[in-house]
Amino acid sequence: MTTERIEINPAIMMGKPVIRGTRITVELILRKLAEGASETDLLQDYPHLTTEDIRAAVAYGAASVAHEEVVLATSEIATTSCPASRSIRTTGPAQLCSRARPE
């Protein structure tokens, strides 16, 4: 899932999605926004970024979450039916067994 603004290249930042032409990862942008940084803060701290780059990073994050598959299972079932390739997250008396869905 790449766009004209987001690229994935194994030779850049170990293949993490980055803003094209930079080493600024989508993850960094999303983390900074989650920590309370404003768009203006990001643009000042990272002069190579544009408003469109920030929006592309947020859209990429949303699309990644939209493609996640979550399967709810009881505690007893989750330990035996959740393959090792999936992550298990505890949520009260049940566990979530999730993985990214193929595109």
N, C-alpha and C. Protein backbone atom coordinates (compact mmCIF):
# COMPACT_ATOMS: atom_id res chain seq x y z
N MET A 1 0.85 -1.17 0.00
CA MET A 1 0.00 0.00 0.00
C MET A 1 0.89 1.24 0.00
N THR A 2 1.27 1.71 -1.15
CA THR A 2 2.06 2.92 -1.26
C THR A 2 1.27 3.95 -2.06
N THR A 3 1.66 5.18 -1.91
CA THR A 3 1.02 6.26 -2.64
C THR A 3 2.12 7.09 -3.30
N GLU A 4 1.74 8.16 -3.95
CA GLU A 4 2.77 9.02 -4.54
C GLU A 4 3.59 9.71 -3.46
N ARG A 5 3.09 9.77 -2.23
CA ARG A 5 3.83 10.42 -1.13
C ARG A 5 4.47 9.44 -0.16
N ILE A 6 4.00 8.20 -0.12
CA ILE A 6 4.51 7.20 0.82
C ILE A 6 5.21 6.11 0.00
N GLU A 7 6.40 5.71 0.44
CA GLU A 7 7.08 4.62 -0.25
C GLU A 7 7.64 3.63 0.76
N ILE A 8 7.79 2.41 0.29
CA ILE A 8 8.40 1.35 1.08
C ILE A 8 9.56 0.81 0.26
N ASN A 9 10.75 0.92 0.82
CA ASN A 9 11.95 0.47 0.14
C ASN A 9 12.83 -0.22 1.18
N PRO A 10 13.16 -1.49 0.98
CA PRO A 10 13.97 -2.22 1.97
C PRO A 10 15.30 -1.53 2.29
N ALA A 11 15.80 -0.70 1.38
CA ALA A 11 17.07 -0.02 1.60
C ALA A 11 16.93 1.27 2.42
N ILE A 12 15.70 1.68 2.69
CA ILE A 12 15.46 2.91 3.45
C ILE A 12 14.71 2.57 4.73
N MET A 13 15.30 2.89 5.87
CA MET A 13 14.69 2.68 7.18
C MET A 13 14.16 1.26 7.35
N MET A 14 14.92 0.29 6.87
CA MET A 14 14.60 -1.14 6.99
C MET A 14 13.22 -1.48 6.43
N GLY A 15 12.80 -0.76 5.40
CA GLY A 15 11.55 -1.08 4.73
C GLY A 15 10.30 -0.49 5.37
N LYS A 16 10.47 0.34 6.39
CA LYS A 16 9.29 0.98 6.99
C LYS A 16 8.74 2.01 6.00
N PRO A 17 7.43 2.25 6.03
CA PRO A 17 6.87 3.26 5.14
C PRO A 17 7.42 4.65 5.52
N VAL A 18 7.90 5.36 4.52
CA VAL A 18 8.46 6.70 4.73
C VAL A 18 7.82 7.69 3.76
N ILE A 19 7.98 8.97 4.08
CA ILE A 19 7.59 10.01 3.14
C ILE A 19 8.60 9.95 2.00
N ARG A 20 8.10 9.83 0.78
CA ARG A 20 8.96 9.67 -0.39
C ARG A 20 10.05 10.75 -0.43
N GLY A 21 11.27 10.31 -0.67
CA GLY A 21 12.39 11.24 -0.78
C GLY A 21 13.00 11.65 0.56
N THR A 22 12.49 11.08 1.66
CA THR A 22 13.02 11.40 2.99
C THR A 22 13.26 10.10 3.75
N ARG A 23 13.77 10.24 4.96
CA ARG A 23 13.89 9.11 5.88
C ARG A 23 12.92 9.30 7.04
N ILE A 24 11.90 10.11 6.83
CA ILE A 24 10.88 10.38 7.84
C ILE A 24 9.81 9.30 7.72
N THR A 25 9.67 8.49 8.78
CA THR A 25 8.73 7.38 8.73
C THR A 25 7.31 7.83 9.03
N VAL A 26 6.36 7.08 8.48
CA VAL A 26 4.95 7.30 8.79
C VAL A 26 4.75 7.13 10.30
N GLU A 27 5.41 6.14 10.86
CA GLU A 27 5.30 5.88 12.29
C GLU A 27 5.70 7.10 13.11
N LEU A 28 6.79 7.75 12.74
CA LEU A 28 7.24 8.95 13.47
C LEU A 28 6.16 10.03 13.44
N ILE A 29 5.61 10.27 12.28
CA ILE A 29 4.58 11.31 12.14
C ILE A 29 3.37 10.96 13.01
N LEU A 30 2.91 9.72 12.94
CA LEU A 30 1.74 9.31 13.73
C LEU A 30 2.03 9.39 15.23
N ARG A 31 3.22 8.99 15.65
CA ARG A 31 3.58 9.08 17.07
C ARG A 31 3.61 10.53 17.55
N LYS A 32 4.21 11.40 16.75
CA LYS A 32 4.29 12.82 17.13
C LYS A 32 2.88 13.41 17.26
N LEU A 33 2.01 13.09 16.32
CA LEU A 33 0.63 13.59 16.39
C LEU A 33 -0.08 13.03 17.62
N ALA A 34 0.14 11.75 17.91
CA ALA A 34 -0.49 11.12 19.08
C ALA A 34 0.01 11.74 20.38
N GLU A 35 1.25 12.21 20.38
CA GLU A 35 1.82 12.85 21.57
C GLU A 35 1.36 14.30 21.73
N GLY A 36 0.61 14.79 20.75
CA GLY A 36 0.07 16.15 20.87
C GLY A 36 0.71 17.18 19.98
N ALA A 37 1.66 16.78 19.15
CA ALA A 37 2.27 17.74 18.22
C ALA A 37 1.22 18.20 17.21
N SER A 38 1.30 19.44 16.84
CA SER A 38 0.38 19.96 15.83
C SER A 38 1.02 19.84 14.45
N GLU A 39 0.22 20.04 13.43
CA GLU A 39 0.75 20.04 12.08
C GLU A 39 1.84 21.10 11.94
N THR A 40 1.61 22.25 12.53
CA THR A 40 2.58 23.34 12.49
C THR A 40 3.89 22.93 13.15
N ASP A 41 3.80 22.24 14.30
CA ASP A 41 5.00 21.75 14.99
C ASP A 41 5.81 20.84 14.07
N LEU A 42 5.12 19.90 13.42
CA LEU A 42 5.81 18.97 12.53
C LEU A 42 6.46 19.69 11.35
N LEU A 43 5.76 20.64 10.79
CA LEU A 43 6.30 21.37 9.64
C LEU A 43 7.52 22.20 10.04
N GLN A 44 7.53 22.72 11.27
CA GLN A 44 8.69 23.48 11.75
C GLN A 44 9.86 22.56 12.09
N ASP A 45 9.57 21.42 12.71
CA ASP A 45 10.62 20.49 13.12
C ASP A 45 11.21 19.70 11.96
N TYR A 46 10.42 19.48 10.94
CA TYR A 46 10.85 18.70 9.78
C TYR A 46 10.56 19.50 8.50
N PRO A 47 11.48 20.41 8.14
CA PRO A 47 11.24 21.33 7.02
C PRO A 47 10.96 20.66 5.67
N HIS A 48 11.37 19.40 5.51
CA HIS A 48 11.11 18.71 4.24
C HIS A 48 9.66 18.23 4.13
N LEU A 49 8.93 18.24 5.24
CA LEU A 49 7.52 17.79 5.22
C LEU A 49 6.61 18.87 4.66
N THR A 50 5.52 18.41 4.07
CA THR A 50 4.45 19.32 3.64
C THR A 50 3.17 18.88 4.33
N THR A 51 2.18 19.75 4.28
CA THR A 51 0.87 19.41 4.83
C THR A 51 0.33 18.15 4.16
N GLU A 52 0.53 18.03 2.86
CA GLU A 52 0.06 16.85 2.12
C GLU A 52 0.76 15.58 2.59
N ASP A 53 2.05 15.68 2.96
CA ASP A 53 2.78 14.52 3.47
C ASP A 53 2.17 14.04 4.78
N ILE A 54 1.85 14.97 5.66
CA ILE A 54 1.26 14.62 6.96
C ILE A 54 -0.10 13.95 6.75
N ARG A 55 -0.90 14.51 5.87
CA ARG A 55 -2.21 13.91 5.59
C ARG A 55 -2.06 12.52 4.97
N ALA A 56 -1.07 12.35 4.11
CA ALA A 56 -0.83 11.03 3.50
C ALA A 56 -0.42 10.02 4.58
N ALA A 57 0.39 10.44 5.55
CA ALA A 57 0.81 9.54 6.62
C ALA A 57 -0.39 9.12 7.47
N VAL A 58 -1.27 10.06 7.79
CA VAL A 58 -2.47 9.73 8.57
C VAL A 58 -3.38 8.80 7.77
N ALA A 59 -3.54 9.06 6.49
CA ALA A 59 -4.38 8.20 5.64
C ALA A 59 -3.77 6.80 5.54
N TYR A 60 -2.45 6.71 5.45
CA TYR A 60 -1.79 5.42 5.39
C TYR A 60 -2.04 4.64 6.68
N GLY A 61 -1.92 5.32 7.82
CA GLY A 61 -2.19 4.68 9.11
C GLY A 61 -3.62 4.18 9.21
N ALA A 62 -4.56 5.00 8.76
CA ALA A 62 -5.98 4.60 8.79
C ALA A 62 -6.22 3.40 7.88
N ALA A 63 -5.61 3.40 6.71
CA ALA A 63 -5.78 2.28 5.79
C ALA A 63 -5.17 1.00 6.37
N SER A 64 -4.06 1.14 7.07
CA SER A 64 -3.42 -0.04 7.69
C SER A 64 -4.33 -0.65 8.74
N VAL A 65 -4.94 0.18 9.56
CA VAL A 65 -5.85 -0.32 10.59
C VAL A 65 -7.11 -0.90 9.96
N ALA A 66 -7.56 -0.30 8.88
CA ALA A 66 -8.77 -0.79 8.21
C ALA A 66 -8.56 -2.19 7.65
N HIS A 67 -7.33 -2.56 7.35
CA HIS A 67 -7.04 -3.88 6.80
C HIS A 67 -6.70 -4.90 7.86
N GLU A 68 -6.80 -4.54 9.14
CA GLU A 68 -6.51 -5.48 10.22
C GLU A 68 -7.72 -6.37 10.47
N GLU A 69 -7.47 -7.64 10.67
CA GLU A 69 -8.52 -8.60 10.96
C GLU A 69 -8.44 -8.96 12.44
N VAL A 70 -9.55 -8.85 13.16
CA VAL A 70 -9.58 -9.16 14.58
C VAL A 70 -10.58 -10.28 14.81
N VAL A 71 -10.13 -11.33 15.52
CA VAL A 71 -10.97 -12.47 15.83
C VAL A 71 -11.07 -12.55 17.34
N LEU A 72 -12.27 -12.53 17.88
CA LEU A 72 -12.48 -12.60 19.32
C LEU A 72 -12.63 -14.06 19.72
N ALA A 73 -11.84 -14.47 20.74
CA ALA A 73 -11.90 -15.86 21.22
C ALA A 73 -11.84 -15.85 22.75
N THR A 74 -12.43 -16.86 23.38
CA THR A 74 -12.33 -16.96 24.84
C THR A 74 -10.91 -17.34 25.21
N SER A 75 -10.53 -17.13 26.45
CA SER A 75 -9.16 -17.40 26.91
C SER A 75 -8.72 -18.82 26.63
N GLU A 76 -9.59 -19.80 26.86
CA GLU A 76 -9.21 -21.19 26.66
C GLU A 76 -8.95 -21.50 25.19
N ILE A 77 -9.75 -20.93 24.32
CA ILE A 77 -9.63 -21.22 22.89
C ILE A 77 -8.45 -20.47 22.29
N ALA A 78 -8.20 -19.24 22.72
CA ALA A 78 -7.18 -18.40 22.10
C ALA A 78 -5.80 -19.03 22.16
N THR A 79 -5.46 -19.66 23.26
CA THR A 79 -4.10 -20.22 23.37
C THR A 79 -3.88 -21.39 22.43
N THR A 80 -4.94 -22.08 22.05
CA THR A 80 -4.76 -23.23 21.16
C THR A 80 -5.10 -22.90 19.71
N SER A 81 -5.98 -21.93 19.46
CA SER A 81 -6.41 -21.68 18.09
C SER A 81 -5.77 -20.45 17.45
N CYS A 82 -5.03 -19.67 18.19
CA CYS A 82 -4.40 -18.48 17.62
C CYS A 82 -3.00 -18.86 17.12
N PRO A 83 -2.80 -18.90 15.81
CA PRO A 83 -1.50 -19.29 15.27
C PRO A 83 -0.40 -18.33 15.74
N ALA A 84 0.81 -18.81 15.73
CA ALA A 84 1.96 -18.01 16.19
C ALA A 84 2.13 -16.75 15.35
N SER A 85 1.64 -16.76 14.11
CA SER A 85 1.78 -15.59 13.24
C SER A 85 0.84 -14.45 13.62
N ARG A 86 -0.05 -14.70 14.57
CA ARG A 86 -0.98 -13.67 15.00
C ARG A 86 -0.62 -13.21 16.40
N SER A 87 -0.99 -11.99 16.73
CA SER A 87 -0.71 -11.50 18.08
C SER A 87 -1.94 -11.73 18.94
N ILE A 88 -1.72 -11.96 20.23
CA ILE A 88 -2.83 -12.15 21.17
C ILE A 88 -2.82 -10.97 22.13
N ARG A 89 -3.95 -10.27 22.23
CA ARG A 89 -4.10 -9.16 23.15
C ARG A 89 -5.21 -9.49 24.13
N THR A 90 -4.93 -9.36 25.41
CA THR A 90 -5.93 -9.66 26.43
C THR A 90 -6.87 -8.48 26.59
N THR A 91 -8.17 -8.77 26.61
CA THR A 91 -9.19 -7.74 26.82
C THR A 91 -10.20 -8.30 27.80
N GLY A 92 -9.92 -8.16 29.08
CA GLY A 92 -10.82 -8.69 30.09
C GLY A 92 -10.81 -10.20 30.06
N PRO A 93 -11.99 -10.85 30.11
CA PRO A 93 -12.05 -12.30 30.16
C PRO A 93 -11.76 -12.97 28.81
N ALA A 94 -11.65 -12.19 27.75
CA ALA A 94 -11.40 -12.77 26.43
C ALA A 94 -10.07 -12.24 25.89
N GLN A 95 -9.64 -12.82 24.80
CA GLN A 95 -8.42 -12.36 24.15
C GLN A 95 -8.72 -12.09 22.69
N LEU A 96 -7.98 -11.15 22.11
CA LEU A 96 -8.11 -10.86 20.69
C LEU A 96 -6.94 -11.50 19.97
N CYS A 97 -7.23 -12.21 18.94
CA CYS A 97 -6.22 -12.83 18.09
C CYS A 97 -6.27 -12.08 16.77
N SER A 98 -5.25 -11.28 16.48
CA SER A 98 -5.35 -10.43 15.29
C SER A 98 -4.12 -10.54 14.41
N ARG A 99 -4.33 -10.19 13.15
CA ARG A 99 -3.24 -10.12 12.17
C ARG A 99 -3.69 -9.17 11.08
N ALA A 100 -2.72 -8.66 10.35
CA ALA A 100 -3.07 -7.80 9.22
C ALA A 100 -3.62 -8.66 8.10
N ARG A 101 -4.75 -8.22 7.52
CA ARG A 101 -5.33 -8.95 6.39
C ARG A 101 -4.51 -8.67 5.14
N PRO A 102 -4.32 -9.64 4.29
CA PRO A 102 -3.63 -9.38 3.02
C PRO A 102 -4.46 -8.45 2.17
N GLU A 103 -3.78 -7.62 1.41
CA GLU A 103 -4.49 -6.66 0.55
C GLU A 103 -4.95 -7.31 -0.72
